[in-house]
Amino acid sequence: MPQVSRDTRKTPRHGLLWFVALWLLGVGGTALLVLPFHLLVAAAMRH
């Protein structure tokens, strides 16, 4: 019984950790994907 209550208490925290990790991964991946296009536009504006 104590193990079950400890697991249920840990689950929301584990889910929040996964949410934050996946969100950061998505933001970082998007930034890396957009960076070459940003540099390309910046170089084109200079010329």
PDB file of N, CA and C in Angstrom:
ATOM      1  N   MET A   1       0.813  -1.213   0.000  1.00  0.00           N
ATOM      2  CA  MET A   1       0.000   0.000   0.000  1.00  0.00           C
ATOM      3  C   MET A   1       0.857   1.279   0.000  1.00  0.00           C
ATOM      4  N   PRO A   2       1.868   1.424   0.849  1.00  0.00           N
ATOM      5  CA  PRO A   2       2.641   2.671   0.819  1.00  0.00           C
ATOM      6  C   PRO A   2       3.324   2.908  -0.532  1.00  0.00           C
ATOM      7  N   GLN A   3       3.749   1.820  -1.210  1.00  0.00           N
ATOM      8  CA  GLN A   3       4.382   1.985  -2.518  1.00  0.00           C
ATOM      9  C   GLN A   3       3.408   2.579  -3.529  1.00  0.00           C
ATOM     10  N   VAL A   4       2.167   2.146  -3.495  1.00  0.00           N
ATOM     11  CA  VAL A   4       1.169   2.636  -4.442  1.00  0.00           C
ATOM     12  C   VAL A   4       0.923   4.122  -4.228  1.00  0.00           C
ATOM     13  N   SER A   5       0.796   4.564  -2.977  1.00  0.00           N
ATOM     14  CA  SER A   5       0.554   5.978  -2.710  1.00  0.00           C
ATOM     15  C   SER A   5       1.772   6.819  -3.101  1.00  0.00           C
ATOM     16  N   ARG A   6       2.972   6.262  -2.907  1.00  0.00           N
ATOM     17  CA  ARG A   6       4.177   6.997  -3.293  1.00  0.00           C
ATOM     18  C   ARG A   6       4.242   7.136  -4.818  1.00  0.00           C
ATOM     19  N   ASP A   7       3.862   6.098  -5.548  1.00  0.00           N
ATOM     20  CA  ASP A   7       3.862   6.142  -7.005  1.00  0.00           C
ATOM     21  C   ASP A   7       2.853   7.153  -7.528  1.00  0.00           C
ATOM     22  N   THR A   8       1.680   7.196  -6.921  1.00  0.00           N
ATOM     23  CA  THR A   8       0.658   8.134  -7.389  1.00  0.00           C
ATOM     24  C   THR A   8       1.068   9.568  -7.086  1.00  0.00           C
ATOM     25  N   ARG A   9       1.806   9.770  -6.022  1.00  0.00           N
ATOM     26  CA  ARG A   9       2.260  11.113  -5.681  1.00  0.00           C
ATOM     27  C   ARG A   9       3.367  11.554  -6.650  1.00  0.00           C
ATOM     28  N   LYS A  10       4.158  10.618  -7.139  1.00  0.00           N
ATOM     29  CA  LYS A  10       5.283  10.920  -8.016  1.00  0.00           C
ATOM     30  C   LYS A  10       4.838  11.100  -9.472  1.00  0.00           C
ATOM     31  N   THR A  11       3.721  10.539  -9.849  1.00  0.00           N
ATOM     32  CA  THR A  11       3.292  10.546 -11.244  1.00  0.00           C
ATOM     33  C   THR A  11       3.068  11.947 -11.806  1.00  0.00           C
ATOM     34  N   PRO A  12       2.347  12.851 -11.155  1.00  0.00           N
ATOM     35  CA  PRO A  12       2.168  14.186 -11.745  1.00  0.00           C
ATOM     36  C   PRO A  12       3.502  14.918 -11.932  1.00  0.00           C
ATOM     37  N   ARG A  13       4.408  14.725 -10.994  1.00  0.00           N
ATOM     38  CA  ARG A  13       5.723  15.359 -11.098  1.00  0.00           C
ATOM     39  C   ARG A  13       6.500  14.793 -12.289  1.00  0.00           C
ATOM     40  N   HIS A  14       6.388  13.488 -12.488  1.00  0.00           N
ATOM     41  CA  HIS A  14       7.057  12.825 -13.610  1.00  0.00           C
ATOM     42  C   HIS A  14       6.463  13.315 -14.928  1.00  0.00           C
ATOM     43  N   GLY A  15       5.144  13.470 -14.959  1.00  0.00           N
ATOM     44  CA  GLY A  15       4.489  13.972 -16.163  1.00  0.00           C
ATOM     45  C   GLY A  15       4.882  15.406 -16.462  1.00  0.00           C
ATOM     46  N   LEU A  16       5.001  16.216 -15.443  1.00  0.00           N
ATOM     47  CA  LEU A  16       5.413  17.609 -15.621  1.00  0.00           C
ATOM     48  C   LEU A  16       6.847  17.677 -16.133  1.00  0.00           C
ATOM     49  N   LEU A  17       7.705  16.797 -15.610  1.00  0.00           N
ATOM     50  CA  LEU A  17       9.090  16.754 -16.066  1.00  0.00           C
ATOM     51  C   LEU A  17       9.160  16.396 -17.544  1.00  0.00           C
ATOM     52  N   TRP A  18       8.366  15.411 -17.966  1.00  0.00           N
ATOM     53  CA  TRP A  18       8.331  15.034 -19.380  1.00  0.00           C
ATOM     54  C   TRP A  18       7.791  16.175 -20.230  1.00  0.00           C
ATOM     55  N   PHE A  19       6.764  16.861 -19.750  1.00  0.00           N
ATOM     56  CA  PHE A  19       6.188  17.981 -20.496  1.00  0.00           C
ATOM     57  C   PHE A  19       7.227  19.073 -20.716  1.00  0.00           C
ATOM     58  N   VAL A  20       7.944  19.440 -19.656  1.00  0.00           N
ATOM     59  CA  VAL A  20       8.954  20.493 -19.757  1.00  0.00           C
ATOM     60  C   VAL A  20      10.093  20.053 -20.673  1.00  0.00           C
ATOM     61  N   ALA A  21      10.531  18.799 -20.541  1.00  0.00           N
ATOM     62  CA  ALA A  21      11.636  18.306 -21.373  1.00  0.00           C
ATOM     63  C   ALA A  21      11.250  18.300 -22.850  1.00  0.00           C
ATOM     64  N   LEU A  22      10.057  17.828 -23.164  1.00  0.00           N
ATOM     65  CA  LEU A  22       9.621  17.796 -24.559  1.00  0.00           C
ATOM     66  C   LEU A  22       9.386  19.195 -25.100  1.00  0.00           C
ATOM     67  N   TRP A  23       8.897  20.099 -24.263  1.00  0.00           N
ATOM     68  CA  TRP A  23       8.677  21.475 -24.695  1.00  0.00           C
ATOM     69  C   TRP A  23      10.010  22.136 -25.032  1.00  0.00           C
ATOM     70  N   LEU A  24      11.007  21.948 -24.162  1.00  0.00           N
ATOM     71  CA  LEU A  24      12.327  22.523 -24.419  1.00  0.00           C
ATOM     72  C   LEU A  24      12.966  21.914 -25.661  1.00  0.00           C
ATOM     73  N   LEU A  25      12.761  20.621 -25.854  1.00  0.00           N
ATOM     74  CA  LEU A  25      13.285  19.955 -27.044  1.00  0.00           C
ATOM     75  C   LEU A  25      12.629  20.522 -28.305  1.00  0.00           C
ATOM     76  N   GLY A  26      11.341  20.761 -28.246  1.00  0.00           N
ATOM     77  CA  GLY A  26      10.636  21.338 -29.385  1.00  0.00           C
ATOM     78  C   GLY A  26      11.082  22.758 -29.687  1.00  0.00           C
ATOM     79  N   VAL A  27      11.252  23.563 -28.653  1.00  0.00           N
ATOM     80  CA  VAL A  27      11.702  24.949 -28.843  1.00  0.00           C
ATOM     81  C   VAL A  27      13.124  24.960 -29.403  1.00  0.00           C
ATOM     82  N   GLY A  28      13.985  24.123 -28.850  1.00  0.00           N
ATOM     83  CA  GLY A  28      15.371  24.058 -29.340  1.00  0.00           C
ATOM     84  C   GLY A  28      15.448  23.549 -30.770  1.00  0.00           C
ATOM     85  N   GLY A  29      14.657  22.535 -31.079  1.00  0.00           N
ATOM     86  CA  GLY A  29      14.633  22.012 -32.443  1.00  0.00           C
ATOM     87  C   GLY A  29      14.117  23.034 -33.437  1.00  0.00           C
ATOM     88  N   THR A  30      13.107  23.774 -33.052  1.00  0.00           N
ATOM     89  CA  THR A  30      12.560  24.814 -33.928  1.00  0.00           C
ATOM     90  C   THR A  30      13.588  25.915 -34.152  1.00  0.00           C
ATOM     91  N   ALA A  31      14.282  26.304 -33.108  1.00  0.00           N
ATOM     92  CA  ALA A  31      15.311  27.346 -33.237  1.00  0.00           C
ATOM     93  C   ALA A  31      16.424  26.887 -34.176  1.00  0.00           C
ATOM     94  N   LEU A  32      16.846  25.642 -34.036  1.00  0.00           N
ATOM     95  CA  LEU A  32      17.899  25.128 -34.917  1.00  0.00           C
ATOM     96  C   LEU A  32      17.416  25.009 -36.356  1.00  0.00           C
ATOM     97  N   LEU A  33      16.162  24.713 -36.537  1.00  0.00           N
ATOM     98  CA  LEU A  33      15.605  24.595 -37.879  1.00  0.00           C
ATOM     99  C   LEU A  33      15.488  25.966 -38.545  1.00  0.00           C
ATOM    100  N   VAL A  34      15.156  26.984 -37.789  1.00  0.00           N
ATOM    101  CA  VAL A  34      14.928  28.320 -38.338  1.00  0.00           C
ATOM    102  C   VAL A  34      16.240  29.098 -38.507  1.00  0.00           C
ATOM    103  N   LEU A  35      17.257  28.757 -37.730  1.00  0.00           N
ATOM    104  CA  LEU A  35      18.506  29.520 -37.742  1.00  0.00           C
ATOM    105  C   LEU A  35      19.128  29.675 -39.131  1.00  0.00           C
ATOM    106  N   PRO A  36      19.264  28.627 -39.943  1.00  0.00           N
ATOM    107  CA  PRO A  36      19.861  28.834 -41.276  1.00  0.00           C
ATOM    108  C   PRO A  36      19.059  29.812 -42.139  1.00  0.00           C
ATOM    109  N   PHE A  37      17.738  29.752 -42.059  1.00  0.00           N
ATOM    110  CA  PHE A  37      16.913  30.676 -42.837  1.00  0.00           C
ATOM    111  C   PHE A  37      17.082  32.109 -42.332  1.00  0.00           C
ATOM    112  N   HIS A  38      17.211  32.262 -41.036  1.00  0.00           N
ATOM    113  CA  HIS A  38      17.424  33.591 -40.455  1.00  0.00           C
ATOM    114  C   HIS A  38      18.753  34.170 -40.938  1.00  0.00           C
ATOM    115  N   LEU A  39      19.792  33.348 -40.928  1.00  0.00           N
ATOM    116  CA  LEU A  39      21.099  33.815 -41.392  1.00  0.00           C
ATOM    117  C   LEU A  39      21.077  34.118 -42.886  1.00  0.00           C
ATOM    118  N   LEU A  40      20.355  33.319 -43.639  1.00  0.00           N
ATOM    119  CA  LEU A  40      20.236  33.550 -45.079  1.00  0.00           C
ATOM    120  C   LEU A  40      19.547  34.878 -45.367  1.00  0.00           C
ATOM    121  N   VAL A  41      18.475  35.164 -44.667  1.00  0.00           N
ATOM    122  CA  VAL A  41      17.758  36.428 -44.849  1.00  0.00           C
ATOM    123  C   VAL A  41      18.635  37.593 -44.410  1.00  0.00           C
ATOM    124  N   ALA A  42      19.356  37.437 -43.303  1.00  0.00           N
ATOM    125  CA  ALA A  42      20.231  38.511 -42.830  1.00  0.00           C
ATOM    126  C   ALA A  42      21.338  38.790 -43.846  1.00  0.00           C
ATOM    127  N   ALA A  43      21.898  37.744 -44.452  1.00  0.00           N
ATOM    128  CA  ALA A  43      22.944  37.931 -45.461  1.00  0.00           C
ATOM    129  C   ALA A  43      22.367  38.584 -46.715  1.00  0.00           C
ATOM    130  N   ALA A  44      21.157  38.227 -47.092  1.00  0.00           N
ATOM    131  CA  ALA A  44      20.525  38.805 -48.282  1.00  0.00           C
ATOM    132  C   ALA A  44      20.204  40.288 -48.061  1.00  0.00           C
ATOM    133  N   MET A  45      19.865  40.661 -46.852  1.00  0.00           N
ATOM    134  CA  MET A  45      19.534  42.053 -46.569  1.00  0.00           C
ATOM    135  C   MET A  45      20.787  42.936 -46.586  1.00  0.00           C
ATOM    136  N   ARG A  46      21.931  42.331 -46.294  1.00  0.00           N
ATOM    137  CA  ARG A  46      23.174  43.090 -46.269  1.00  0.00           C
ATOM    138  C   ARG A  46      23.621  43.495 -47.671  1.00  0.00           C
ATOM    139  N   HIS A  47      23.346  42.671 -48.654  1.00  0.00           N
ATOM    140  CA  HIS A  47      23.835  42.924 -50.023  1.00  0.00           C
ATOM    141  C   HIS A  47      22.977  43.888 -50.763  1.00  0.00           C
TER     142      HIS A  47
END
